[in-house]
Amino acid sequence: MNRPLPALLALGLATLAPAALAQPPACAPRYPPPTTMAAMFDMAALTADTLDTLPGVDVAIAARGGQDLSRYGLRHSHLAFLRRDAAGRWEVLHLLNRCQGGTSALYRKGLVNLVGESAIRTDLRVGIPSAAVRAALAQLLDGDAAPARALHQPRYSMLAYPGSSDYQNSNQWVLEVLAAAMARAGEGRVLDGRSATRDWLQRNDYRPARLHIGLGKRLGARLFADNVAVTDHPASERLSGNYSVVTVESVFDFLHHRGALQRELSIPHQGDAAAAPAPSSP
């Protein structure tokens, strides 16, 4: 649920998976107009400044607008981790599906890359996990983030089914890493793979969103889109077109339900209607 950004804006670009640099994507980069680029840098700076005012916070989650999912009642499409590096700068760790292919990789980037072109039209939804979950996340994401990388499935589908290991989308990887952190923080348990994290999420009442995809769109996706697969979904969902999917909203709802989110912040978009950032919950 994301789109490629030009290499010019890849501030602090690195990969968490070496294979991500092995075969550069064949698609052409996008170069936003200067006004959009300025908004992207302004929003990234505002995000960093806002996070810097929060004492003791060195890891968070954030969701950008990205792909337009308004027809499904969704405002944000793509989740990522924000982490303060050794130099005190905020970096982004997330899963990207480059050029709408059938695979994904994990990347470490700068804030500008996360906010992207949605900086001119959509706020950035930021979640601050509880202190215990932040501490566990810091361990999972430290260094080369090996425990978090172990939860990555390179086969990508935008509609990946939460109950299967066949595919994974960007929000699903974030959710599974959060599950590992929550299990470690609350129970002292180490979830050592995707099967264990999915079982934990089911036992702890994670509820995915249900998106209805019409027959025409389903046929088109199967025929023309490498980054959409539905073979991992139960037959009942494939017949009805009502697909269970990990969305930004379902992840935030789960964190609130479990008491794992300390607060939320909304970083305003940098279009004409932008205003000062305001917390959306205590």
Protein backbone atom coordinates (compact mmCIF):
# COMPACT_ATOMS: atom_id res chain seq x y z
CA MET A 1 0.00 0.00 0.00
CA ASN A 2 2.66 2.46 -0.99
CA ARG A 3 4.32 4.12 -3.93
CA PRO A 4 8.00 4.55 -4.88
CA LEU A 5 9.77 7.86 -4.21
CA PRO A 6 12.70 9.27 -6.16
CA ALA A 7 16.21 8.47 -5.08
CA LEU A 8 16.84 12.20 -4.64
CA LEU A 9 14.63 12.13 -1.54
CA ALA A 10 16.08 8.96 -0.03
CA LEU A 11 17.66 10.72 2.93
CA GLY A 12 19.38 8.14 5.10
CA LEU A 13 18.24 5.31 2.81
CA ALA A 14 19.34 1.86 3.90
CA THR A 15 17.84 -1.59 3.77
CA LEU A 16 17.13 -4.03 6.54
CA ALA A 17 17.18 -6.85 3.98
CA PRO A 18 20.30 -7.08 1.78
CA ALA A 19 18.28 -8.51 -1.11
CA ALA A 20 16.47 -5.19 -1.43
CA LEU A 21 19.50 -3.69 -3.18
CA ALA A 22 20.34 -6.74 -5.26
CA GLN A 23 17.88 -6.00 -8.08
CA PRO A 24 16.96 -2.32 -8.47
CA PRO A 25 13.31 -1.80 -9.41
CA ALA A 26 12.70 -1.38 -13.12
CA CYS A 27 10.00 1.28 -12.75
CA ALA A 28 10.77 4.96 -13.31
CA PRO A 29 11.15 7.21 -10.24
CA ARG A 30 8.64 9.98 -9.51
CA TYR A 31 9.88 13.54 -9.02
CA PRO A 32 7.30 15.66 -7.18
CA PRO A 33 7.03 19.36 -8.04
CA PRO A 34 9.02 21.78 -5.85
CA THR A 35 5.99 22.84 -3.81
CA THR A 36 5.22 19.23 -2.93
CA MET A 37 8.85 18.54 -2.05
CA ALA A 38 8.85 21.56 0.24
CA ALA A 39 5.70 20.27 1.97
CA MET A 40 7.33 16.86 2.42
CA PHE A 41 10.40 18.35 4.11
CA ASP A 42 8.25 20.68 6.24
CA MET A 43 6.06 17.81 7.43
CA ALA A 44 9.08 15.63 8.19
CA ALA A 45 10.68 18.43 10.20
CA LEU A 46 7.45 19.10 12.09
CA THR A 47 7.14 15.39 12.90
CA ALA A 48 10.70 15.23 14.26
CA ASP A 49 10.24 18.44 16.28
CA THR A 50 6.97 17.16 17.76
CA LEU A 51 8.47 13.82 18.76
CA ASP A 52 11.49 15.55 20.26
CA THR A 53 9.19 17.27 22.78
CA LEU A 54 8.07 13.93 24.22
CA PRO A 55 10.38 12.90 27.09
CA GLY A 56 11.60 9.32 27.04
CA VAL A 57 10.08 8.50 23.65
CA ASP A 58 12.53 6.90 21.22
CA VAL A 59 10.19 4.70 19.19
CA ALA A 60 6.70 5.22 17.76
CA ILE A 61 4.45 4.13 14.92
CA ALA A 62 3.15 6.39 12.17
CA ALA A 63 0.66 6.11 9.32
CA ARG A 64 0.64 8.16 6.13
CA GLY A 65 -2.13 8.76 3.61
CA GLY A 66 -0.40 7.15 0.63
CA GLN A 67 -2.86 5.24 -1.52
CA ASP A 68 -6.40 6.63 -1.65
CA LEU A 69 -8.61 4.18 0.25
CA SER A 70 -11.44 6.63 0.95
CA ARG A 71 -13.94 4.41 -0.91
CA TYR A 72 -13.43 1.93 1.93
CA GLY A 73 -13.79 4.61 4.60
CA LEU A 74 -10.04 4.58 5.33
CA ARG A 75 -7.92 7.73 5.66
CA HIS A 76 -4.45 6.20 6.09
CA SER A 77 -2.94 3.32 4.14
CA HIS A 78 0.63 2.64 5.26
CA LEU A 79 2.17 1.99 8.70
CA ALA A 80 5.80 2.28 9.72
CA PHE A 81 8.00 2.37 12.80
CA LEU A 82 9.76 5.58 13.80
CA ARG A 83 12.97 5.09 15.76
CA ARG A 84 15.57 7.48 17.11
CA ASP A 85 19.01 6.44 15.87
CA ALA A 86 22.34 6.65 17.73
CA ALA A 87 22.83 10.24 16.51
CA GLY A 88 19.42 11.29 17.85
CA ARG A 89 17.76 11.54 14.43
CA TRP A 90 14.41 9.96 13.64
CA GLU A 91 14.47 7.17 11.07
CA VAL A 92 11.74 5.07 9.48
CA LEU A 93 11.67 1.26 9.38
CA HIS A 94 9.00 -0.22 7.14
CA LEU A 95 8.04 -2.77 4.51
CA LEU A 96 7.79 -1.54 0.93
CA ASN A 97 6.38 -3.16 -2.19
CA ARG A 98 8.38 -1.47 -4.93
CA CYS A 99 6.89 -0.88 -8.36
CA GLN A 100 3.78 -2.97 -7.67
CA GLY A 101 5.69 -6.23 -7.96
CA GLY A 102 4.97 -9.47 -6.15
CA THR A 103 7.69 -9.10 -3.50
CA SER A 104 8.64 -6.72 -0.71
CA ALA A 105 11.69 -5.75 1.33
CA LEU A 106 12.33 -3.99 4.64
CA TYR A 107 13.86 -0.53 4.45
CA ARG A 108 15.42 2.01 6.79
CA LYS A 109 14.78 5.56 5.54
CA GLY A 110 14.41 9.17 6.52
CA LEU A 111 11.14 10.80 7.59
CA VAL A 112 10.75 12.55 4.24
CA ASN A 113 10.35 9.21 2.52
CA LEU A 114 7.56 8.18 4.85
CA VAL A 115 5.39 11.29 4.55
CA GLY A 116 5.82 11.33 0.77
CA GLU A 117 3.49 13.21 -1.52
CA SER A 118 0.58 12.72 0.86
CA ALA A 119 2.14 15.57 2.88
CA ILE A 120 0.03 18.02 0.88
CA ARG A 121 -3.34 16.37 1.58
CA THR A 122 -3.33 13.97 4.59
CA ASP A 123 -2.20 14.19 8.19
CA LEU A 124 0.34 11.79 9.65
CA ARG A 125 -1.21 9.65 12.38
CA VAL A 126 1.37 8.97 15.09
CA GLY A 127 0.96 6.48 17.92
CA ILE A 128 3.12 6.46 21.04
CA PRO A 129 3.14 2.95 22.55
CA SER A 130 3.22 2.42 26.29
CA ALA A 131 6.62 2.59 27.98
CA ALA A 132 6.82 -1.20 28.34
CA VAL A 133 5.96 -1.81 24.68
CA ARG A 134 8.42 0.90 23.59
CA ALA A 135 11.19 -0.82 25.54
CA ALA A 136 10.38 -4.16 23.89
CA LEU A 137 10.20 -2.55 20.45
CA ALA A 138 13.58 -0.93 20.99
CA GLN A 139 15.07 -4.40 21.51
CA LEU A 140 13.36 -5.85 18.43
CA LEU A 141 14.40 -2.93 16.20
CA ASP A 142 17.91 -2.41 17.57
CA GLY A 143 20.95 -2.77 15.31
CA ASP A 144 20.08 -4.75 12.20
CA ALA A 145 16.62 -5.49 13.65
CA ALA A 146 17.11 -9.25 13.27
CA PRO A 147 14.07 -10.25 15.41
CA ALA A 148 11.84 -7.93 13.35
CA ARG A 149 13.33 -9.14 10.06
CA ALA A 150 12.52 -12.71 11.09
CA LEU A 151 8.83 -11.78 10.90
CA HIS A 152 9.08 -10.62 7.28
CA GLN A 153 7.47 -12.59 4.45
CA PRO A 154 8.89 -11.36 1.10
CA ARG A 155 5.86 -12.57 -0.88
CA TYR A 156 3.66 -9.48 -1.00
CA SER A 157 -0.06 -9.02 -1.42
CA MET A 158 -1.93 -5.81 -0.75
CA LEU A 159 -4.86 -7.97 0.45
CA ALA A 160 -2.79 -10.46 2.46
CA TYR A 161 -4.95 -12.60 4.74
CA PRO A 162 -4.01 -12.10 8.43
CA GLY A 163 -4.51 -15.79 9.21
CA SER A 164 -2.07 -17.11 6.61
CA SER A 165 1.71 -17.12 6.16
CA ASP A 166 1.55 -17.12 2.35
CA TYR A 167 1.77 -13.34 1.89
CA GLN A 168 2.24 -10.16 3.89
CA ASN A 169 1.46 -6.48 3.43
CA SER A 170 3.18 -3.48 4.99
CA ASN A 171 0.71 -3.03 7.84
CA GLN A 172 0.76 -6.73 8.65
CA TRP A 173 4.52 -6.72 9.25
CA VAL A 174 4.20 -3.77 11.63
CA LEU A 175 1.32 -5.49 13.44
CA GLU A 176 3.27 -8.72 13.87
CA VAL A 177 6.33 -6.90 15.24
CA LEU A 178 4.02 -5.03 17.63
CA ALA A 179 2.54 -8.37 18.72
CA ALA A 180 6.02 -9.70 19.47
CA ALA A 181 6.77 -6.57 21.51
CA MET A 182 3.47 -6.74 23.41
CA ALA A 183 3.97 -10.43 24.25
CA ARG A 184 7.48 -9.70 25.50
CA ALA A 185 6.38 -6.65 27.51
CA GLY A 186 3.25 -8.17 29.04
CA GLU A 187 4.06 -11.86 29.42
CA GLY A 188 7.83 -12.14 29.05
CA ARG A 189 7.20 -14.39 26.03
CA VAL A 190 9.42 -14.49 22.95
CA LEU A 191 7.38 -15.10 19.80
CA ASP A 192 9.88 -16.75 17.49
CA GLY A 193 8.07 -16.67 14.14
CA ARG A 194 5.06 -15.56 12.14
CA SER A 195 2.97 -18.55 13.19
CA ALA A 196 3.49 -17.71 16.86
CA THR A 197 2.64 -14.02 16.36
CA ARG A 198 -0.51 -14.83 14.40
CA ASP A 199 -1.65 -17.27 17.10
CA TRP A 200 -0.98 -14.63 19.76
CA LEU A 201 -2.98 -12.02 17.83
CA GLN A 202 -5.91 -14.38 17.47
CA ARG A 203 -5.89 -15.27 21.18
CA ASN A 204 -5.76 -11.59 22.06
CA ASP A 205 -8.73 -10.67 19.87
CA TYR A 206 -7.10 -8.78 17.02
CA ARG A 207 -9.85 -8.01 14.51
CA PRO A 208 -8.86 -7.25 10.93
CA ALA A 209 -10.84 -4.88 8.75
CA ARG A 210 -13.28 -6.29 6.21
CA LEU A 211 -12.97 -4.69 2.78
CA HIS A 212 -15.50 -5.42 0.06
CA ILE A 213 -13.88 -5.76 -3.36
CA GLY A 214 -16.37 -5.93 -6.23
CA LEU A 215 -16.24 -8.73 -8.79
CA GLY A 216 -14.87 -6.49 -11.54
CA LYS A 217 -11.99 -5.29 -9.37
CA ARG A 218 -11.26 -8.83 -8.20
CA LEU A 219 -11.00 -10.10 -11.75
CA GLY A 220 -8.85 -7.14 -12.79
CA ALA A 221 -6.50 -7.63 -9.85
CA ARG A 222 -6.02 -11.32 -10.62
CA LEU A 223 -5.32 -10.63 -14.27
CA PHE A 224 -3.19 -7.49 -14.13
CA ALA A 225 -1.74 -6.81 -10.65
CA ASP A 226 1.33 -8.67 -9.40
CA ASN A 227 0.96 -7.18 -5.92
CA VAL A 228 -2.56 -8.49 -5.27
CA ALA A 229 -3.34 -12.12 -4.42
CA VAL A 230 -6.39 -13.60 -2.71
CA THR A 231 -5.58 -17.33 -2.82
CA ASP A 232 -4.64 -17.22 0.89
CA HIS A 233 -8.18 -16.14 1.87
CA PRO A 234 -10.91 -18.61 2.81
CA ALA A 235 -13.24 -19.61 -0.02
CA SER A 236 -16.11 -17.79 1.69
CA GLU A 237 -14.25 -14.48 1.45
CA ARG A 238 -13.27 -15.05 -2.18
CA LEU A 239 -16.87 -15.79 -3.10
CA SER A 240 -18.36 -12.85 -1.20
CA GLY A 241 -15.61 -10.35 -1.97
CA ASN A 242 -15.45 -9.42 1.74
CA TYR A 243 -11.74 -9.73 2.53
CA SER A 244 -10.10 -9.67 5.96
CA VAL A 245 -7.13 -7.28 5.74
CA VAL A 246 -4.73 -5.61 8.19
CA THR A 247 -5.35 -1.87 7.95
CA VAL A 248 -3.97 1.13 9.80
CA GLU A 249 -7.26 1.61 11.61
CA SER A 250 -7.49 -2.02 12.72
CA VAL A 251 -3.96 -1.85 14.17
CA PHE A 252 -4.64 1.36 16.10
CA ASP A 253 -7.97 -0.05 17.35
CA PHE A 254 -6.21 -3.19 18.58
CA LEU A 255 -3.51 -1.20 20.40
CA HIS A 256 -6.14 0.95 22.13
CA HIS A 257 -8.18 -2.13 23.06
CA ARG A 258 -5.11 -3.77 24.62
CA GLY A 259 -4.03 -0.61 26.47
CA ALA A 260 -0.74 -0.66 24.55
CA LEU A 261 -0.98 2.89 23.19
CA GLN A 262 -0.05 5.77 25.49
CA ARG A 263 -1.28 8.53 23.21
CA GLU A 264 -1.88 9.63 19.64
CA LEU A 265 -0.69 12.68 17.75
CA SER A 266 -1.85 14.12 14.46
CA ILE A 267 0.80 15.89 12.38
CA PRO A 268 -1.14 18.12 9.97
CA HIS A 269 -0.64 18.03 6.24
CA GLN A 270 1.24 20.96 4.76
CA GLY A 271 -1.37 22.10 2.24
CA ASP A 272 -3.33 25.34 2.49
CA ALA A 273 -5.45 24.08 5.40
CA ALA A 274 -2.54 22.91 7.55
CA ALA A 275 -2.65 23.87 11.20
CA ALA A 276 -0.64 23.30 14.36
CA PRO A 277 -0.30 19.67 15.54
CA ALA A 278 -2.81 18.57 18.15
CA PRO A 279 -3.01 15.42 20.24
CA SER A 280 -6.08 13.30 19.47
CA SER A 281 -6.04 11.42 22.76
CA PRO A 282 -4.41 11.84 26.19
